[in-house]
Amino acid sequence: MPDPYRVVEYDSGPKGMEGMEALINEWAAKGYRLDQIVRRSTYDWLLIFSSRDFTPCSVQ
């Protein structure tokens, strides 16, 4: 089973965001879904993925 979560750094650079969609699709092919995108600076992003096989337990 893959790791439950992956955090991937992405630098969009001054040319824009064209590569982010390709990166998301690459991780989807590995069995991960995109959960959140965090902007750290103008060009620096964190993409947080979780494994499709991972089911978090509920807290009661």
N, C-alpha and C. Protein backbone atom coordinates (compact mmCIF):
# COMPACT_ATOMS: atom_id res chain seq x y z
N MET A 1 0.85 -1.18 0.00
CA MET A 1 0.00 0.00 0.00
C MET A 1 0.89 1.24 0.00
N PRO A 2 0.56 2.25 -0.82
CA PRO A 2 1.36 3.48 -0.84
C PRO A 2 1.23 4.24 0.47
N ASP A 3 2.18 5.17 0.70
CA ASP A 3 2.09 6.04 1.88
C ASP A 3 0.75 6.76 1.87
N PRO A 4 0.13 6.98 3.05
CA PRO A 4 -1.19 7.61 3.08
C PRO A 4 -1.18 9.04 2.54
N TYR A 5 -0.09 9.78 2.78
CA TYR A 5 -0.04 11.18 2.33
C TYR A 5 1.30 11.46 1.66
N ARG A 6 1.27 12.38 0.71
CA ARG A 6 2.49 12.89 0.07
C ARG A 6 2.37 14.40 -0.03
N VAL A 7 3.45 15.09 0.31
CA VAL A 7 3.52 16.55 0.15
C VAL A 7 4.57 16.80 -0.92
N VAL A 8 4.16 17.48 -1.98
CA VAL A 8 5.04 17.71 -3.12
C VAL A 8 5.21 19.21 -3.32
N GLU A 9 6.46 19.67 -3.39
CA GLU A 9 6.74 21.07 -3.66
C GLU A 9 6.65 21.32 -5.16
N TYR A 10 6.11 22.48 -5.53
CA TYR A 10 6.00 22.84 -6.94
C TYR A 10 6.39 24.30 -7.10
N ASP A 11 7.26 24.57 -8.05
CA ASP A 11 7.69 25.94 -8.36
C ASP A 11 7.14 26.28 -9.74
N SER A 12 6.16 27.18 -9.79
CA SER A 12 5.52 27.51 -11.07
C SER A 12 6.39 28.43 -11.92
N GLY A 13 7.35 29.12 -11.29
CA GLY A 13 8.22 30.02 -12.04
C GLY A 13 7.45 31.17 -12.65
N PRO A 14 8.16 32.10 -13.23
CA PRO A 14 7.50 33.29 -13.78
C PRO A 14 6.65 33.00 -15.02
N LYS A 15 6.78 31.83 -15.63
CA LYS A 15 6.03 31.51 -16.85
C LYS A 15 4.62 31.00 -16.56
N GLY A 16 4.30 30.67 -15.32
CA GLY A 16 2.93 30.28 -15.02
C GLY A 16 2.75 28.87 -14.49
N MET A 17 1.50 28.40 -14.56
CA MET A 17 1.08 27.19 -13.87
C MET A 17 0.89 25.97 -14.79
N GLU A 18 1.35 26.01 -16.03
CA GLU A 18 1.08 24.94 -16.98
C GLU A 18 1.49 23.56 -16.47
N GLY A 19 2.60 23.47 -15.76
CA GLY A 19 3.10 22.18 -15.31
C GLY A 19 2.38 21.58 -14.12
N MET A 20 1.60 22.40 -13.39
CA MET A 20 0.94 21.88 -12.19
C MET A 20 -0.09 20.80 -12.55
N GLU A 21 -0.84 21.00 -13.61
CA GLU A 21 -1.83 20.00 -14.02
C GLU A 21 -1.14 18.68 -14.38
N ALA A 22 -0.02 18.73 -15.05
CA ALA A 22 0.73 17.52 -15.39
C ALA A 22 1.21 16.82 -14.13
N LEU A 23 1.67 17.59 -13.15
CA LEU A 23 2.12 17.01 -11.88
C LEU A 23 0.96 16.33 -11.15
N ILE A 24 -0.19 16.97 -11.12
CA ILE A 24 -1.36 16.39 -10.47
C ILE A 24 -1.75 15.08 -11.17
N ASN A 25 -1.73 15.08 -12.50
CA ASN A 25 -2.06 13.87 -13.25
C ASN A 25 -1.05 12.75 -13.01
N GLU A 26 0.21 13.12 -12.87
CA GLU A 26 1.27 12.13 -12.59
C GLU A 26 1.01 11.43 -11.26
N TRP A 27 0.67 12.21 -10.23
CA TRP A 27 0.40 11.62 -8.92
C TRP A 27 -0.92 10.84 -8.92
N ALA A 28 -1.88 11.28 -9.71
CA ALA A 28 -3.14 10.52 -9.83
C ALA A 28 -2.87 9.15 -10.43
N ALA A 29 -1.98 9.08 -11.38
CA ALA A 29 -1.62 7.80 -12.00
C ALA A 29 -0.92 6.87 -11.00
N LYS A 30 -0.31 7.45 -9.97
CA LYS A 30 0.35 6.65 -8.92
C LYS A 30 -0.64 6.25 -7.83
N GLY A 31 -1.91 6.67 -7.94
CA GLY A 31 -2.92 6.28 -6.96
C GLY A 31 -3.19 7.31 -5.88
N TYR A 32 -2.84 8.56 -6.13
CA TYR A 32 -3.07 9.62 -5.15
C TYR A 32 -4.08 10.63 -5.69
N ARG A 33 -4.84 11.21 -4.78
CA ARG A 33 -5.76 12.29 -5.17
C ARG A 33 -5.29 13.58 -4.51
N LEU A 34 -5.52 14.69 -5.17
CA LEU A 34 -5.13 15.99 -4.64
C LEU A 34 -6.12 16.41 -3.57
N ASP A 35 -5.62 16.72 -2.38
CA ASP A 35 -6.47 17.17 -1.28
C ASP A 35 -6.40 18.67 -1.06
N GLN A 36 -5.21 19.25 -1.23
CA GLN A 36 -5.07 20.67 -0.91
C GLN A 36 -3.86 21.26 -1.62
N ILE A 37 -3.96 22.53 -1.98
CA ILE A 37 -2.83 23.28 -2.53
C ILE A 37 -2.59 24.47 -1.61
N VAL A 38 -1.33 24.65 -1.20
CA VAL A 38 -0.97 25.74 -0.30
C VAL A 38 0.04 26.63 -1.03
N ARG A 39 -0.29 27.90 -1.15
CA ARG A 39 0.63 28.85 -1.77
C ARG A 39 1.58 29.37 -0.70
N ARG A 40 2.88 29.18 -0.94
CA ARG A 40 3.89 29.62 0.03
C ARG A 40 4.50 30.96 -0.35
N SER A 41 4.59 31.24 -1.62
CA SER A 41 5.10 32.52 -2.12
C SER A 41 4.58 32.70 -3.54
N THR A 42 5.08 33.69 -4.24
CA THR A 42 4.58 33.98 -5.58
C THR A 42 4.63 32.76 -6.49
N TYR A 43 5.73 32.01 -6.46
CA TYR A 43 5.90 30.88 -7.36
C TYR A 43 6.00 29.53 -6.66
N ASP A 44 6.00 29.52 -5.35
CA ASP A 44 6.25 28.30 -4.59
C ASP A 44 4.95 27.76 -4.00
N TRP A 45 4.66 26.49 -4.27
CA TRP A 45 3.41 25.86 -3.83
C TRP A 45 3.70 24.52 -3.18
N LEU A 46 2.83 24.09 -2.27
CA LEU A 46 2.83 22.74 -1.74
C LEU A 46 1.54 22.06 -2.18
N LEU A 47 1.66 20.89 -2.75
CA LEU A 47 0.50 20.10 -3.14
C LEU A 47 0.41 18.91 -2.19
N ILE A 48 -0.73 18.75 -1.56
CA ILE A 48 -0.91 17.68 -0.58
C ILE A 48 -1.84 16.64 -1.19
N PHE A 49 -1.31 15.43 -1.31
CA PHE A 49 -2.04 14.31 -1.91
C PHE A 49 -2.30 13.26 -0.85
N SER A 50 -3.37 12.50 -1.02
CA SER A 50 -3.60 11.34 -0.17
C SER A 50 -3.84 10.12 -1.06
N SER A 51 -3.46 8.99 -0.53
CA SER A 51 -3.62 7.75 -1.28
C SER A 51 -5.10 7.41 -1.40
N ARG A 52 -5.51 6.95 -2.56
CA ARG A 52 -6.90 6.52 -2.73
C ARG A 52 -7.21 5.30 -1.88
N ASP A 53 -6.17 4.55 -1.50
CA ASP A 53 -6.36 3.34 -0.70
C ASP A 53 -6.45 3.64 0.80
N PHE A 54 -6.11 4.88 1.18
CA PHE A 54 -6.06 5.26 2.59
C PHE A 54 -7.43 5.73 3.06
N THR A 55 -7.92 5.16 4.14
CA THR A 55 -9.18 5.58 4.74
C THR A 55 -8.89 6.01 6.18
N PRO A 56 -8.98 7.32 6.45
CA PRO A 56 -8.70 7.77 7.81
C PRO A 56 -9.76 7.28 8.78
N CYS A 57 -9.35 7.00 9.99
CA CYS A 57 -10.32 6.58 10.99
C CYS A 57 -10.99 7.81 11.58
N SER A 58 -12.21 7.67 11.99
CA SER A 58 -12.92 8.80 12.58
C SER A 58 -12.62 8.88 14.07
N VAL A 59 -12.59 10.08 14.58
CA VAL A 59 -12.35 10.31 16.00
C VAL A 59 -13.69 10.56 16.67
N GLN A 60 -13.92 9.86 17.76
CA GLN A 60 -15.20 10.03 18.45
C GLN A 60 -15.02 10.51 19.85
